[in-house]
Structures are given as C-alpha cells and as structure tokens.
Amino acid sequence: KAEGKADRTYREICSWLSENWTSRPSREEVAALFKITPNYLSQLFRSRGGRGYSDYLTNLRMIHAGKLLTEEKMTLAEVGSLCGYRDPAYFCRQFKKATGKTPTEFRIGRDR
C-alpha cells in the first residue's frame, strides 16, 4: 500500500500546485505543507512525474504563460510578472527554452 500513498501524495501536491503556482512555492514550503521532507518531495517528482520539482513548476508556469500570451492583450513583462518572473528578459529566455519559441513568436503563431 505504500505505493498507493506515494501516488496519492504526488497527485495531491500536483493538484495543490495547479491552484497555487503563482505564489512561487519553494520545495521546502510545499514539503512542509504536505508534512514530508524536501528530499522526499524531490524523489516523488522524479519517480512519479519523471522530472524534478522545479522543472514541474516551471512547466506549469509556462503553460499559463502560453494561455496569457494568446488570450490576453498584455505586455511580455506583464505576462512574465503574472507567471512569477520579475525580469522580463529572464522570462523570455525561460519561455524559449521551454517551448522552442520566443513569447512573441508564440503569440504571432497563435494569432493566425
């Protein structure tokens, strides 16, 4: 049954993150909230999700950035800020790394 508990904990954390990603929760904060160690949290993300906690959180942020870029008429700085990036240039680099396109290219591709 230990396997079931780990799966459930992972799903609960992912669900919580999908609602609270904008607060930029640290690995330590999330681990404390779910009463597990930060190392166990990392282990859960690697074993259940195939990627680390920070990669998972970055991916969530990029999914939301993509939605904002296509649905809203905001500047790149505004989108980056809403997704937890204080530096617009860093946001643009992270977005391109995650999607293969700059935010502007992504937006133009979706406007067609």
Protein backbone atom coordinates (compact mmCIF):
# COMPACT_ATOMS: atom_id res chain seq x y z
CA LYS A 1 0.00 0.00 0.00
CA ALA A 2 2.99 2.33 0.32
CA GLU A 3 2.92 2.71 -3.48
CA GLY A 4 -0.68 3.93 -3.34
CA LYS A 5 0.12 6.50 -0.67
CA ALA A 6 3.06 7.90 -2.66
CA ASP A 7 0.89 8.17 -5.79
CA ARG A 8 -1.86 9.88 -3.84
CA THR A 9 0.58 12.31 -2.21
CA TYR A 10 2.07 13.15 -5.62
CA ARG A 11 -1.39 13.76 -7.12
CA GLU A 12 -2.41 15.93 -4.15
CA ILE A 13 0.76 18.02 -4.45
CA CYS A 14 0.25 18.45 -8.22
CA SER A 15 -3.36 19.46 -7.64
CA TRP A 16 -2.33 21.97 -4.97
CA LEU A 17 0.40 23.38 -7.25
CA SER A 18 -2.06 23.83 -10.12
CA GLU A 19 -4.06 26.13 -7.82
CA ASN A 20 -1.15 27.88 -6.09
CA TRP A 21 1.66 28.10 -8.66
CA THR A 22 1.52 31.90 -8.77
CA SER A 23 2.78 32.11 -5.19
CA ARG A 24 6.05 30.54 -6.39
CA PRO A 25 6.09 27.95 -3.60
CA SER A 26 9.54 26.63 -2.74
CA ARG A 27 10.26 22.94 -2.48
CA GLU A 28 10.70 23.38 1.28
CA GLU A 29 7.36 25.20 1.68
CA VAL A 30 5.46 22.54 -0.25
CA ALA A 31 7.19 19.72 1.63
CA ALA A 32 6.29 21.31 4.98
CA LEU A 33 2.68 21.81 3.87
CA PHE A 34 2.35 18.12 2.98
CA LYS A 35 4.36 17.01 6.04
CA ILE A 36 7.15 15.35 4.07
CA THR A 37 10.83 16.16 3.70
CA PRO A 38 12.08 18.28 0.78
CA ASN A 39 14.19 15.31 -0.38
CA TYR A 40 11.17 13.00 -0.39
CA LEU A 41 9.22 15.62 -2.38
CA SER A 42 12.01 15.66 -4.97
CA GLN A 43 12.04 11.87 -5.03
CA LEU A 44 8.24 11.81 -5.62
CA PHE A 45 8.53 14.18 -8.58
CA ARG A 46 11.38 12.22 -10.12
CA SER A 47 9.79 8.78 -9.62
CA ARG A 48 6.14 9.68 -10.37
CA GLY A 49 6.48 12.61 -12.77
CA GLY A 50 9.80 11.89 -14.43
CA ARG A 51 11.16 15.35 -13.69
CA GLY A 52 12.29 17.44 -10.77
CA TYR A 53 10.06 19.70 -8.70
CA SER A 54 11.43 22.94 -10.15
CA ASP A 55 11.06 21.62 -13.72
CA TYR A 56 7.45 20.70 -12.95
CA LEU A 57 6.74 24.15 -11.52
CA THR A 58 8.46 25.89 -14.45
CA ASN A 59 6.35 23.82 -16.87
CA LEU A 60 3.16 24.85 -15.05
CA ARG A 61 4.20 28.49 -15.26
CA MET A 62 4.94 28.18 -19.00
CA ILE A 63 1.55 26.57 -19.68
CA HIS A 64 -0.13 29.54 -18.02
CA ALA A 65 2.18 31.99 -19.81
CA GLY A 66 1.14 30.45 -23.14
CA LYS A 67 -2.52 30.93 -22.25
CA LEU A 68 -1.95 34.53 -21.22
CA LEU A 69 0.03 35.26 -24.37
CA THR A 70 -2.80 34.03 -26.58
CA GLU A 71 -5.87 35.06 -24.59
CA GLU A 72 -4.87 38.40 -23.14
CA LYS A 73 -3.53 41.62 -24.60
CA MET A 74 -0.69 42.07 -22.13
CA THR A 75 2.91 43.09 -22.50
CA LEU A 76 5.54 40.38 -22.17
CA ALA A 77 6.61 41.97 -18.89
CA GLU A 78 3.05 41.71 -17.55
CA VAL A 79 2.74 38.06 -18.59
CA GLY A 80 6.15 37.27 -17.10
CA SER A 81 5.26 39.03 -13.87
CA LEU A 82 1.94 37.18 -13.54
CA CYS A 83 3.82 33.93 -14.04
CA GLY A 84 6.29 34.76 -11.28
CA TYR A 85 9.21 36.24 -13.23
CA ARG A 86 10.45 39.62 -12.08
CA ASP A 87 12.86 40.04 -15.01
CA PRO A 88 11.15 40.10 -18.44
CA ALA A 89 14.37 39.08 -20.23
CA TYR A 90 14.74 36.03 -17.97
CA PHE A 91 11.09 35.14 -18.55
CA CYS A 92 11.64 35.31 -22.33
CA ARG A 93 14.72 33.05 -22.10
CA GLN A 94 12.89 30.53 -19.93
CA PHE A 95 9.86 30.57 -22.24
CA LYS A 96 12.02 29.94 -25.31
CA LYS A 97 13.89 27.15 -23.51
CA ALA A 98 10.56 25.50 -22.60
CA THR A 99 8.68 25.97 -25.89
CA GLY A 100 11.33 26.48 -28.56
CA LYS A 101 9.80 29.87 -29.41
CA THR A 102 10.12 33.34 -28.00
CA PRO A 103 6.93 34.67 -26.39
CA THR A 104 6.46 36.98 -29.40
CA GLU A 105 6.87 34.12 -31.90
CA PHE A 106 4.45 32.02 -29.83
CA ARG A 107 1.88 34.82 -29.79
CA ILE A 108 2.20 35.51 -33.53
CA GLY A 109 1.87 31.78 -34.31
CA ARG A 110 -1.37 31.63 -32.32
CA ASP A 111 -2.85 34.79 -33.86
CA ARG A 112 -3.01 33.21 -37.32
